[in-house]
C-alpha atoms as a PDB file:
ATOM      1  CA  MET A   1     142.169 247.629-118.658  1.00  0.00           C
ATOM      2  CA  PHE A   2     141.950 245.153-115.982  1.00  0.00           C
ATOM      3  CA  GLU A   3     139.261 247.149-114.131  1.00  0.00           C
ATOM      4  CA  LEU A   4     137.289 247.151-117.489  1.00  0.00           C
ATOM      5  CA  LEU A   5     137.510 243.307-117.743  1.00  0.00           C
ATOM      6  CA  VAL A   6     136.515 242.812-114.289  1.00  0.00           C
ATOM      7  CA  ALA A   7     133.413 245.113-114.814  1.00  0.00           C
ATOM      8  CA  ILE A   8     132.508 243.207-117.939  1.00  0.00           C
ATOM      9  CA  VAL A   9     132.734 239.704-116.157  1.00  0.00           C
ATOM     10  CA  PHE A  10     130.698 241.081-113.245  1.00  0.00           C
ATOM     11  CA  LEU A  11     128.042 242.411-115.437  1.00  0.00           C
ATOM     12  CA  THR A  12     128.034 239.103-117.335  1.00  0.00           C
ATOM     13  CA  VAL A  13     127.554 237.140-114.069  1.00  0.00           C
ATOM     14  CA  VAL A  14     124.789 239.427-113.119  1.00  0.00           C
ATOM     15  CA  PHE A  15     123.063 239.286-116.440  1.00  0.00           C
ATOM     16  CA  MET A  16     123.142 235.560-116.411  1.00  0.00           C
ATOM     17  CA  ILE A  17     121.804 235.295-112.661  1.00  0.00           C
ATOM     18  CA  MET A  18     118.938 237.685-113.754  1.00  0.00           C
ATOM     19  CA  GLY A  19     118.052 235.374-116.703  1.00  0.00           C
ATOM     20  CA  VAL A  20     117.825 232.246-114.527  1.00  0.00           C
ATOM     21  CA  ARG A  21     114.383 231.175-113.074  1.00  0.00           C
ATOM     22  CA  VAL A  22     113.349 228.160-111.120  1.00  0.00           C
ATOM     23  CA  VAL A  23     109.641 227.206-111.139  1.00  0.00           C
ATOM     24  CA  ARG A  24     108.522 225.341-108.178  1.00  0.00           C
ATOM     25  CA  GLN A  25     106.414 222.128-108.386  1.00  0.00           C
ATOM     26  CA  GLY A  26     102.635 222.758-108.558  1.00  0.00           C
ATOM     27  CA  PHE A  27     103.052 226.128-110.135  1.00  0.00           C
ATOM     28  CA  VAL A  28     103.403 227.429-113.618  1.00  0.00           C
ATOM     29  CA  TYR A  29     104.856 230.805-114.342  1.00  0.00           C
ATOM     30  CA  THR A  30     103.799 232.840-117.293  1.00  0.00           C
ATOM     31  CA  ILE A  31     106.690 234.565-119.161  1.00  0.00           C
ATOM     32  CA  GLU A  32     106.029 237.882-120.894  1.00  0.00           C
ATOM     33  CA  ARG A  33     108.162 239.243-123.595  1.00  0.00           C
ATOM     34  CA  LEU A  34     108.087 242.866-123.929  1.00  0.00           C
ATOM     35  CA  GLY A  35     104.761 242.776-122.180  1.00  0.00           C
ATOM     36  CA  ARG A  36     103.153 240.129-124.252  1.00  0.00           C
ATOM     37  CA  PHE A  37     102.392 236.499-123.026  1.00  0.00           C
ATOM     38  CA  HIS A  38     105.169 234.443-124.356  1.00  0.00           C
ATOM     39  CA  LEU A  39     104.994 230.900-122.617  1.00  0.00           C
ATOM     40  CA  ALA A  40     103.931 229.121-119.644  1.00  0.00           C
ATOM     41  CA  ALA A  41     107.121 227.853-117.756  1.00  0.00           C
ATOM     42  CA  GLN A  42     106.675 224.436-116.358  1.00  0.00           C
ATOM     43  CA  PRO A  43     108.324 223.318-112.837  1.00  0.00           C
ATOM     44  CA  GLY A  44     112.101 223.217-113.478  1.00  0.00           C
ATOM     45  CA  LEU A  45     114.950 225.546-114.447  1.00  0.00           C
ATOM     46  CA  HIS A  46     114.463 228.287-117.084  1.00  0.00           C
ATOM     47  CA  VAL A  47     116.529 230.879-118.617  1.00  0.00           C
ATOM     48  CA  ILE A  48     114.858 234.126-119.733  1.00  0.00           C
ATOM     49  CA  ILE A  49     116.420 237.111-121.458  1.00  0.00           C
ATOM     50  CA  PRO A  50     116.794 239.744-118.863  1.00  0.00           C
ATOM     51  CA  PHE A  51     115.146 243.144-119.437  1.00  0.00           C
ATOM     52  CA  VAL A  52     113.245 241.510-122.397  1.00  0.00           C
ATOM     53  CA  ASP A  53     111.336 238.623-120.687  1.00  0.00           C
ATOM     54  CA  ARG A  54     109.871 238.809-117.248  1.00  0.00           C
ATOM     55  CA  VAL A  55     107.681 236.439-114.999  1.00  0.00           C
ATOM     56  CA  GLY A  56     103.954 237.689-115.314  1.00  0.00           C
ATOM     57  CA  GLN A  57     102.057 235.676-112.887  1.00  0.00           C
ATOM     58  CA  LYS A  58     102.683 232.619-110.778  1.00  0.00           C
ATOM     59  CA  VAL A  59      99.631 230.402-111.318  1.00  0.00           C
ATOM     60  CA  ASN A  60      98.885 227.732-108.753  1.00  0.00           C
ATOM     61  CA  MET A  61      97.985 224.449-110.748  1.00  0.00           C
ATOM     62  CA  MET A  62      97.020 222.275-107.670  1.00  0.00           C
ATOM     63  CA  GLU A  63      93.395 221.770-106.746  1.00  0.00           C
ATOM     64  CA  GLN A  64      92.134 224.419-104.601  1.00  0.00           C
ATOM     65  CA  VAL A  65      89.315 225.109-102.226  1.00  0.00           C
ATOM     66  CA  LEU A  66      87.347 228.429-102.362  1.00  0.00           C
ATOM     67  CA  ASP A  67      85.086 229.148 -99.278  1.00  0.00           C
ATOM     68  CA  ILE A  68      81.851 230.934-100.165  1.00  0.00           C
ATOM     69  CA  PRO A  69      80.826 233.064 -97.200  1.00  0.00           C
ATOM     70  CA  GLY A  70      77.495 232.750 -95.641  1.00  0.00           C
ATOM     71  CA  GLN A  71      74.597 234.582 -97.268  1.00  0.00           C
ATOM     72  CA  GLU A  72      70.807 234.954 -96.731  1.00  0.00           C
ATOM     73  CA  ILE A  73      68.531 233.509 -99.651  1.00  0.00           C
ATOM     74  CA  ILE A  74      64.899 233.794-100.057  1.00  0.00           C
ATOM     75  CA  THR A  75      63.355 230.505-101.343  1.00  0.00           C
ATOM     76  CA  ARG A  76      60.439 230.273-103.495  1.00  0.00           C
ATOM     77  CA  ASP A  77      57.912 230.107-100.561  1.00  0.00           C
ATOM     78  CA  ASN A  78      59.432 233.297 -99.281  1.00  0.00           C
ATOM     79  CA  ALA A  79      61.435 231.581 -96.470  1.00  0.00           C
ATOM     80  CA  MET A  80      64.700 233.249 -95.478  1.00  0.00           C
ATOM     81  CA  VAL A  81      67.465 230.806 -95.007  1.00  0.00           C
ATOM     82  CA  GLY A  82      71.375 231.128 -94.437  1.00  0.00           C
ATOM     83  CA  VAL A  83      73.681 229.198 -96.799  1.00  0.00           C
ATOM     84  CA  ASP A  84      77.308 228.402 -96.677  1.00  0.00           C
ATOM     85  CA  ALA A  85      79.157 226.416 -99.466  1.00  0.00           C
ATOM     86  CA  VAL A  86      82.601 225.620-100.758  1.00  0.00           C
ATOM     87  CA  VAL A  87      84.108 225.287-104.228  1.00  0.00           C
ATOM     88  CA  PHE A  88      86.852 222.962-105.404  1.00  0.00           C
ATOM     89  CA  PHE A  89      88.599 223.957-108.682  1.00  0.00           C
ATOM     90  CA  GLN A  90      91.855 223.409-110.582  1.00  0.00           C
ATOM     91  CA  VAL A  91      93.433 225.462-113.152  1.00  0.00           C
ATOM     92  CA  LEU A  92      94.155 223.611-116.221  1.00  0.00           C
ATOM     93  CA  ASP A  93      95.418 226.480-118.591  1.00  0.00           C
ATOM     94  CA  ALA A  94      97.703 228.805-116.829  1.00  0.00           C
ATOM     95  CA  GLY A  95      97.645 231.238-119.748  1.00  0.00           C
ATOM     96  CA  LYS A  96      93.951 231.677-119.706  1.00  0.00           C
ATOM     97  CA  ALA A  97      93.678 231.807-116.021  1.00  0.00           C
ATOM     98  CA  ALA A  98      96.168 234.721-115.863  1.00  0.00           C
ATOM     99  CA  TYR A  99      95.068 236.713-118.748  1.00  0.00           C
ATOM    100  CA  GLU A 100      91.251 235.846-119.556  1.00  0.00           C
ATOM    101  CA  VAL A 101      90.028 237.023-116.114  1.00  0.00           C
ATOM    102  CA  ALA A 102      91.239 239.987-113.865  1.00  0.00           C
ATOM    103  CA  ASN A 103      90.918 238.189-110.512  1.00  0.00           C
ATOM    104  CA  LEU A 104      90.255 234.433-110.718  1.00  0.00           C
ATOM    105  CA  TYR A 105      89.211 233.836-107.014  1.00  0.00           C
ATOM    106  CA  THR A 106      86.892 236.867-106.918  1.00  0.00           C
ATOM    107  CA  ALA A 107      85.203 235.758-110.185  1.00  0.00           C
ATOM    108  CA  ILE A 108      84.623 232.198-109.099  1.00  0.00           C
ATOM    109  CA  MET A 109      83.157 233.397-105.612  1.00  0.00           C
ATOM    110  CA  ALA A 110      80.829 235.893-107.472  1.00  0.00           C
ATOM    111  CA  LEU A 111      79.748 233.451-110.035  1.00  0.00           C
ATOM    112  CA  THR A 112      79.016 230.643-107.433  1.00  0.00           C
ATOM    113  CA  THR A 113      77.138 233.089-105.195  1.00  0.00           C
ATOM    114  CA  THR A 114      74.857 234.460-107.836  1.00  0.00           C
ATOM    115  CA  ASN A 115      74.054 230.828-109.119  1.00  0.00           C
ATOM    116  CA  LEU A 116      73.538 229.616-105.626  1.00  0.00           C
ATOM    117  CA  ARG A 117      70.885 232.365-105.245  1.00  0.00           C
ATOM    118  CA  THR A 118      69.409 231.429-108.474  1.00  0.00           C
ATOM    119  CA  VAL A 119      69.154 227.749-107.784  1.00  0.00           C
ATOM    120  CA  MET A 120      68.031 227.790-104.245  1.00  0.00           C
ATOM    121  CA  GLY A 121      65.639 230.691-104.952  1.00  0.00           C
ATOM    122  CA  SER A 122      63.712 228.529-107.457  1.00  0.00           C
ATOM    123  CA  MET A 123      63.078 225.786-104.835  1.00  0.00           C
ATOM    124  CA  ASP A 124      60.794 225.438-101.796  1.00  0.00           C
ATOM    125  CA  LEU A 125      62.194 225.468 -98.158  1.00  0.00           C
ATOM    126  CA  ASP A 126      61.569 221.629 -97.810  1.00  0.00           C
ATOM    127  CA  GLU A 127      63.302 221.039-101.171  1.00  0.00           C
ATOM    128  CA  THR A 128      66.388 223.063-100.198  1.00  0.00           C
ATOM    129  CA  LEU A 129      66.663 221.001 -96.888  1.00  0.00           C
ATOM    130  CA  SER A 130      65.998 217.620 -98.591  1.00  0.00           C
ATOM    131  CA  LYS A 131      67.688 217.972-101.973  1.00  0.00           C
ATOM    132  CA  ARG A 132      71.318 219.159-101.388  1.00  0.00           C
ATOM    133  CA  ASP A 133      72.731 216.666-103.920  1.00  0.00           C
ATOM    134  CA  GLU A 134      70.464 218.205-106.705  1.00  0.00           C
ATOM    135  CA  ILE A 135      71.510 221.672-105.640  1.00  0.00           C
ATOM    136  CA  ASN A 136      75.098 220.624-105.767  1.00  0.00           C
ATOM    137  CA  ALA A 137      74.904 219.109-109.182  1.00  0.00           C
ATOM    138  CA  ARG A 138      73.138 222.092-110.586  1.00  0.00           C
ATOM    139  CA  LEU A 139      75.700 224.460-109.063  1.00  0.00           C
ATOM    140  CA  LEU A 140      78.610 222.324-110.457  1.00  0.00           C
ATOM    141  CA  SER A 141      77.072 222.323-113.986  1.00  0.00           C
ATOM    142  CA  VAL A 142      76.479 225.846-114.238  1.00  0.00           C
ATOM    143  CA  VAL A 143      79.679 227.134-112.570  1.00  0.00           C
ATOM    144  CA  ASP A 144      81.957 224.750-114.596  1.00  0.00           C
ATOM    145  CA  HIS A 145      80.340 225.755-117.918  1.00  0.00           C
ATOM    146  CA  ALA A 146      80.770 229.478-116.971  1.00  0.00           C
ATOM    147  CA  THR A 147      84.515 228.983-115.843  1.00  0.00           C
ATOM    148  CA  SER A 148      85.669 226.879-118.768  1.00  0.00           C
ATOM    149  CA  PRO A 149      86.745 229.771-120.893  1.00  0.00           C
ATOM    150  CA  TRP A 150      89.037 230.904-117.959  1.00  0.00           C
ATOM    151  CA  GLY A 151      90.979 227.494-118.248  1.00  0.00           C
ATOM    152  CA  VAL A 152      89.496 226.471-114.918  1.00  0.00           C
ATOM    153  CA  LYS A 153      87.862 223.018-113.848  1.00  0.00           C
ATOM    154  CA  ILE A 154      85.258 223.187-111.169  1.00  0.00           C
ATOM    155  CA  THR A 155      85.559 219.600-109.679  1.00  0.00           C
ATOM    156  CA  ARG A 156      82.951 220.014-106.935  1.00  0.00           C
ATOM    157  CA  VAL A 157      80.474 222.407-105.234  1.00  0.00           C
ATOM    158  CA  GLU A 158      79.303 221.429-101.911  1.00  0.00           C
ATOM    159  CA  ILE A 159      76.580 223.075 -99.508  1.00  0.00           C
ATOM    160  CA  LYS A 160      78.187 223.310 -96.081  1.00  0.00           C
ATOM    161  CA  ASP A 161      75.154 224.469 -94.104  1.00  0.00           C
ATOM    162  CA  ILE A 162      71.568 225.588 -94.422  1.00  0.00           C
ATOM    163  CA  ARG A 163      70.075 227.593 -91.671  1.00  0.00           C
ATOM    164  CA  PRO A 164      66.374 228.044 -91.638  1.00  0.00           C
ATOM    165  CA  PRO A 165      64.814 230.737 -89.334  1.00  0.00           C
ATOM    166  CA  MET A 166      64.270 229.826 -85.755  1.00  0.00           C
ATOM    167  CA  ASP A 167      60.577 229.972 -85.749  1.00  0.00           C
ATOM    168  CA  ILE A 168      60.579 227.730 -88.837  1.00  0.00           C
ATOM    169  CA  SER A 169      62.857 225.308 -87.173  1.00  0.00           C
ATOM    170  CA  GLU A 170      60.557 224.872 -84.070  1.00  0.00           C
ATOM    171  CA  ALA A 171      57.668 224.452 -86.459  1.00  0.00           C
ATOM    172  CA  MET A 172      59.543 221.623 -88.177  1.00  0.00           C
ATOM    173  CA  ALA A 173      60.542 220.057 -84.918  1.00  0.00           C
ATOM    174  CA  ARG A 174      56.948 219.836 -83.860  1.00  0.00           C
ATOM    175  CA  GLN A 175      55.911 218.759 -87.288  1.00  0.00           C
ATOM    176  CA  MET A 176      58.412 215.867 -87.021  1.00  0.00           C
ATOM    177  CA  LYS A 177      57.361 215.003 -83.506  1.00  0.00           C
ATOM    178  CA  ALA A 178      53.770 214.823 -84.644  1.00  0.00           C
ATOM    179  CA  GLU A 179      54.698 212.663 -87.496  1.00  0.00           C
ATOM    180  CA  ARG A 180      56.714 210.280 -85.362  1.00  0.00           C
ATOM    181  CA  LEU A 181      53.807 210.102 -83.000  1.00  0.00           C
ATOM    182  CA  LYS A 182      51.468 209.356 -85.832  1.00  0.00           C
ATOM    183  CA  ARG A 183      53.661 206.578 -87.102  1.00  0.00           C
ATOM    184  CA  ALA A 184      53.857 205.142 -83.633  1.00  0.00           C
ATOM    185  CA  GLU A 185      50.164 204.977 -83.236  1.00  0.00           C
ATOM    186  CA  ILE A 186      49.765 203.500 -86.650  1.00  0.00           C
ATOM    187  CA  LEU A 187      52.302 200.763 -85.882  1.00  0.00           C
ATOM    188  CA  GLU A 188      50.680 200.107 -82.507  1.00  0.00           C
ATOM    189  CA  ALA A 189      47.178 199.873 -84.230  1.00  0.00           C
ATOM    190  CA  GLU A 190      48.705 197.440 -86.935  1.00  0.00           C
ATOM    191  CA  GLY A 191      50.329 195.421 -84.398  1.00  0.00           C
ATOM    192  CA  ALA A 192      47.043 195.104 -82.368  1.00  0.00           C
ATOM    193  CA  ARG A 193      45.121 194.257 -85.687  1.00  0.00           C
ATOM    194  CA  ALA A 194      47.696 191.683 -86.540  1.00  0.00           C
ATOM    195  CA  SER A 195      47.453 190.263 -83.101  1.00  0.00           C
ATOM    196  CA  GLN A 196      43.703 190.023 -83.180  1.00  0.00           C
ATOM    197  CA  ILE A 197      43.804 188.364 -86.644  1.00  0.00           C
ATOM    198  CA  LEU A 198      46.312 185.824 -85.562  1.00  0.00           C
ATOM    199  CA  ARG A 199      44.295 185.001 -82.435  1.00  0.00           C
ATOM    200  CA  ALA A 200      41.034 184.731 -84.532  1.00  0.00           C
ATOM    201  CA  GLU A 201      43.047 182.332 -87.080  1.00  0.00           C
ATOM    202  CA  GLY A 202      44.139 180.370 -84.046  1.00  0.00           C
ATOM    203  CA  GLU A 203      40.661 179.911 -82.630  1.00  0.00           C
ATOM    204  CA  LYS A 204      39.362 179.160 -86.160  1.00  0.00           C
ATOM    205  CA  GLN A 205      41.981 176.358 -86.646  1.00  0.00           C
ATOM    206  CA  SER A 206      41.240 175.171 -83.070  1.00  0.00           C
ATOM    207  CA  ALA A 207      37.526 174.915 -83.845  1.00  0.00           C
ATOM    208  CA  ILE A 208      38.173 173.386 -86.995  1.00  0.00           C
ATOM    209  CA  LEU A 209      40.430 170.702 -85.447  1.00  0.00           C
ATOM    210  CA  GLU A 210      38.113 170.230 -82.725  1.00  0.00           C
ATOM    211  CA  ALA A 211      35.101 169.652 -85.173  1.00  0.00           C
ATOM    212  CA  GLU A 212      37.357 167.217 -87.121  1.00  0.00           C
ATOM    213  CA  GLY A 213      38.047 165.400 -84.018  1.00  0.00           C
ATOM    214  CA  ARG A 214      34.298 165.021 -83.055  1.00  0.00           C
ATOM    215  CA  ARG A 215      33.513 163.833 -86.586  1.00  0.00           C
ATOM    216  CA  GLU A 216      36.268 161.409 -86.428  1.00  0.00           C
ATOM    217  CA  ALA A 217      35.175 160.081 -83.022  1.00  0.00           C
ATOM    218  CA  ALA A 218      31.764 159.899 -84.207  1.00  0.00           C
ATOM    219  CA  PHE A 219      32.645 157.906 -87.120  1.00  0.00           C
ATOM    220  CA  ARG A 220      34.780 155.547 -84.980  1.00  0.00           C
ATOM    221  CA  ASP A 221      31.580 155.131 -82.605  1.00  0.00           C
ATOM    222  CA  ALA A 222      29.408 154.498 -85.462  1.00  0.00           C
ATOM    223  CA  GLU A 223      31.873 151.911 -86.927  1.00  0.00           C
ATOM    224  CA  ALA A 224      32.042 150.213 -83.347  1.00  0.00           C
ATOM    225  CA  ARG A 225      28.264 150.080 -83.052  1.00  0.00           C
ATOM    226  CA  GLU A 226      28.097 148.754 -86.572  1.00  0.00           C
ATOM    227  CA  ARG A 227      30.671 146.024 -85.727  1.00  0.00           C
ATOM    228  CA  GLU A 228      28.799 145.321 -82.391  1.00  0.00           C
ATOM    229  CA  ALA A 229      25.525 145.013 -84.372  1.00  0.00           C
ATOM    230  CA  GLU A 230      27.035 142.746 -86.786  1.00  0.00           C
ATOM    231  CA  ALA A 231      28.478 140.465 -83.966  1.00  0.00           C
ATOM    232  CA  GLU A 232      25.200 140.511 -82.341  1.00  0.00           C
ATOM    233  CA  ALA A 233      23.399 139.571 -85.492  1.00  0.00           C
ATOM    234  CA  LYS A 234      25.882 136.947 -86.093  1.00  0.00           C
ATOM    235  CA  ALA A 235      25.513 135.631 -82.650  1.00  0.00           C
ATOM    236  CA  THR A 236      21.613 135.587 -83.008  1.00  0.00           C
ATOM    237  CA  GLN A 237      21.938 133.718 -86.318  1.00  0.00           C
ATOM    238  CA  MET A 238      23.991 131.053 -84.690  1.00  0.00           C
ATOM    239  CA  VAL A 239      21.541 130.857 -81.760  1.00  0.00           C
ATOM    240  CA  SER A 240      18.717 130.481 -84.275  1.00  0.00           C
ATOM    241  CA  ASP A 241      20.641 127.872 -86.263  1.00  0.00           C
ATOM    242  CA  ALA A 242      21.263 125.916 -83.084  1.00  0.00           C
ATOM    243  CA  ILE A 243      17.678 126.072 -82.034  1.00  0.00           C
ATOM    244  CA  ALA A 244      16.468 125.161 -85.491  1.00  0.00           C
ATOM    245  CA  THR A 245      18.944 122.121 -85.380  1.00  0.00           C
ATOM    246  CA  SER A 246      18.624 120.838 -81.726  1.00  0.00           C
ATOM    247  CA  GLY A 247      15.083 121.877 -81.068  1.00  0.00           C
ATOM    248  CA  VAL A 248      13.692 122.125 -77.391  1.00  0.00           C
ATOM    249  CA  GLN A 249      17.113 121.052 -75.915  1.00  0.00           C
ATOM    250  CA  ALA A 250      18.784 124.059 -77.327  1.00  0.00           C
ATOM    251  CA  ILE A 251      16.203 126.198 -76.010  1.00  0.00           C
ATOM    252  CA  ASN A 252      16.276 124.578 -72.503  1.00  0.00           C
ATOM    253  CA  TYR A 253      20.101 125.126 -72.545  1.00  0.00           C
ATOM    254  CA  PHE A 254      19.884 128.876 -73.145  1.00  0.00           C
ATOM    255  CA  VAL A 255      17.056 129.268 -70.774  1.00  0.00           C
ATOM    256  CA  ALA A 256      18.912 127.351 -68.006  1.00  0.00           C
ATOM    257  CA  GLN A 257      22.114 129.458 -68.728  1.00  0.00           C
ATOM    258  CA  GLU A 258      20.467 132.767 -68.265  1.00  0.00           C
ATOM    259  CA  TYR A 259      18.461 131.522 -65.309  1.00  0.00           C
ATOM    260  CA  THR A 260      21.789 130.369 -63.540  1.00  0.00           C
ATOM    261  CA  LYS A 261      23.367 133.881 -64.329  1.00  0.00           C
ATOM    262  CA  ALA A 262      20.257 135.637 -62.960  1.00  0.00           C
ATOM    263  CA  ILE A 263      20.501 133.574 -59.595  1.00  0.00           C
ATOM    264  CA  GLY A 264      24.145 134.381 -59.398  1.00  0.00           C
ATOM    265  CA  LYS A 265      23.533 138.048 -59.465  1.00  0.00           C
ATOM    266  CA  PHE A 266      21.789 137.912 -56.090  1.00  0.00           C
ATOM    267  CA  ALA A 267      25.288 137.075 -54.564  1.00  0.00           C
ATOM    268  CA  ASP A 268      26.623 140.373 -55.877  1.00  0.00           C
ATOM    269  CA  SER A 269      24.551 142.542 -53.792  1.00  0.00           C
ATOM    270  CA  LYS A 270      26.562 145.195 -51.845  1.00  0.00           C
ATOM    271  CA  ASN A 271      23.784 146.423 -49.536  1.00  0.00           C
ATOM    272  CA  ALA A 272      22.233 143.181 -48.298  1.00  0.00           C
ATOM    273  CA  LYS A 273      24.019 140.492 -46.322  1.00  0.00           C
ATOM    274  CA  THR A 274      20.860 138.048 -46.192  1.00  0.00           C
ATOM    275  CA  ILE A 275      18.763 137.347 -49.056  1.00  0.00           C
ATOM    276  CA  LEU A 276      15.257 135.433 -48.856  1.00  0.00           C
ATOM    277  CA  PHE A 277      13.916 134.185 -52.162  1.00  0.00           C
ATOM    278  CA  PRO A 278      12.248 130.935 -53.253  1.00  0.00           C
ATOM    279  CA  VAL A 279      13.972 128.554 -55.346  1.00  0.00           C
ATOM    280  CA  GLU A 280      12.179 126.364 -57.710  1.00  0.00           C
ATOM    281  CA  ALA A 281      14.797 123.531 -57.600  1.00  0.00           C
ATOM    282  CA  THR A 282      12.822 121.253 -59.942  1.00  0.00           C
ATOM    283  CA  GLN A 283      12.799 123.686 -62.727  1.00  0.00           C
ATOM    284  CA  LEU A 284      16.560 124.413 -62.355  1.00  0.00           C
ATOM    285  CA  ILE A 285      17.085 120.607 -62.221  1.00  0.00           C
ATOM    286  CA  GLY A 286      15.000 120.081 -65.238  1.00  0.00           C
ATOM    287  CA  SER A 287      16.982 122.824 -67.282  1.00  0.00           C
ATOM    288  CA  LEU A 288      20.309 121.165 -66.204  1.00  0.00           C
ATOM    289  CA  GLY A 289      18.864 117.790 -67.358  1.00  0.00           C
ATOM    290  CA  GLY A 290      18.099 119.480 -70.678  1.00  0.00           C
ATOM    291  CA  ILE A 291      21.752 120.496 -70.874  1.00  0.00           C
ATOM    292  CA  GLY A 292      22.927 117.123 -70.132  1.00  0.00           C
ATOM    293  CA  GLU A 293      20.788 115.727 -73.051  1.00  0.00           C
ATOM    294  CA  LEU A 294      22.447 118.229 -75.300  1.00  0.00           C
ATOM    295  CA  VAL A 295      25.855 117.103 -74.250  1.00  0.00           C
ATOM    296  CA  LYS A 296      24.969 113.512 -74.715  1.00  0.00           C
ATOM    297  CA  GLU A 297      23.612 114.236 -78.177  1.00  0.00           C
ATOM    298  CA  ALA A 298      26.767 116.102 -78.987  1.00  0.00           C
ATOM    299  CA  VAL A 299      28.941 113.095 -77.949  1.00  0.00           C
ATOM    300  CA  ASN A 300      26.780 110.317 -79.501  1.00  0.00           C
ATOM    301  CA  PRO A 301      24.841 112.002 -82.265  1.00  0.00           C
ATOM    302  CA  SER A 302      23.381 108.633 -83.336  1.00  0.00           C
ATOM    303  CA  SER A 303      21.293 108.031 -80.278  1.00  0.00           C
ATOM    304  CA  PRO A 304      17.695 109.417 -80.348  1.00  0.00           C
ATOM    305  CA  PRO A 305      17.204 112.493 -78.256  1.00  0.00           C
ATOM    306  CA  GLN A 306      15.605 111.947 -74.846  1.00  0.00           C
ATOM    307  CA  VAL A 307      13.004 114.218 -73.848  1.00  0.00           C
ATOM    308  CA  PRO A 308      13.461 115.314 -70.087  1.00  0.00           C
ATOM    309  CA  PRO A 309      10.570 114.702 -67.750  1.00  0.00           C
ATOM    310  CA  PRO A 310       8.353 117.464 -67.158  1.00  0.00           C
ATOM    311  CA  ALA A 311       8.997 119.657 -64.183  1.00  0.00           C
ATOM    312  CA  ARG A 312       6.817 119.020 -61.213  1.00  0.00           C
ATOM    313  CA  PRO A 313       4.751 121.911 -60.071  1.00  0.00           C
ATOM    314  CA  PRO A 314       6.173 123.640 -56.934  1.00  0.00           C
ATOM    315  CA  GLN A 315       4.788 122.338 -53.671  1.00  0.00           C
ATOM    316  CA  GLN A 316       2.495 124.363 -51.493  1.00  0.00           C
ATOM    317  CA  ARG A 317       4.361 125.217 -48.219  1.00  0.00           C
ATOM    318  CA  PRO A 318       2.473 125.639 -45.067  1.00  0.00           C
ATOM    319  CA  PRO A 319       2.323 129.007 -43.596  1.00  0.00           C
ATOM    320  CA  ALA A 320       5.393 129.828 -41.547  1.00  0.00           C
ATOM    321  CA  ARG A 321       4.775 129.738 -37.743  1.00  0.00           C
ATOM    322  CA  PRO A 322       6.272 132.678 -35.709  1.00  0.00           C
ATOM    323  CA  GLY A 323       9.838 132.207 -34.923  1.00  0.00           C
ATOM    324  CA  VAL A 324      10.304 129.488 -37.588  1.00  0.00           C
ATOM    325  CA  PRO A 325      12.199 130.387 -40.681  1.00  0.00           C
ATOM    326  CA  PRO A 326      10.651 129.646 -44.093  1.00  0.00           C
ATOM    327  CA  ALA A 327      10.978 126.426 -46.114  1.00  0.00           C
ATOM    328  CA  GLY A 328      13.045 128.055 -48.878  1.00  0.00           C
ATOM    329  CA  GLY A 329      16.075 128.555 -46.432  1.00  0.00           C
ATOM    330  CA  GLU A 330      18.297 131.431 -45.716  1.00  0.00           C
ATOM    331  CA  ARG A 331      21.178 132.631 -47.764  1.00  0.00           C
END
């Protein structure tokens, strides 16, 4: 009897241990009851009925990365390129991911590969090399739409590498070099043109400023001449008024003044130390007498003007003898 009780207790403990399941974090277990999907066990402790319920699949609910192996793709312009890609996906519904598709990873890989060939095969080589973002977006849209019935969310599709043939790579390198050289020559030509334009603009501005300066100088010269002419006209008018007022005395004054200045210029000669010239002393004295009369009239305007005596004619001098200086004297 005791042995039977021990056996029953042992079987009960074993039965309970078989019914306890612990689900790890990040996974969901599918529970099958009599071969049919019953529930999706979330992370934690769960109790099932042994021999009736069993764990079907352990579905990873974390975001996963699936590497798409390299493959050769023919573009629209018949260029052969090698392409590698990666797919990021996450299971949202464990029941669908476990029972809607036989092999989830193989299905996603095959679907991505075929759509990659379709998308890149409809583009030229230059487009495949320069429009990776567009290729990624188109692949993401197509693959995510196709895997949505499987309870899977495609979060990202990325092209890792595109490898064109060696000869095409060399041709592209030469093309890029030629393009760079062309741009450099264009930039140099534009720089030279801009330099010439700026230099011409500078010369133009310099010529304009120089012409304006000459015009301003001519205007100033004309204005100065105009002022000088006005002053000369005013002086002439004043002399004319003085002559009209004072008569012969004023004329004698001006003549004597000019005559004195002319005689004084003989002393300014730089090349001659001795100057011989006749001096009509009587004419100079007569002119000075006229100046004295003008001064007297200015001091005593009431007294009648006195006419100076007429100048005596110059005396005839005998011819000079040899060795005797002339009568005019030496200066």
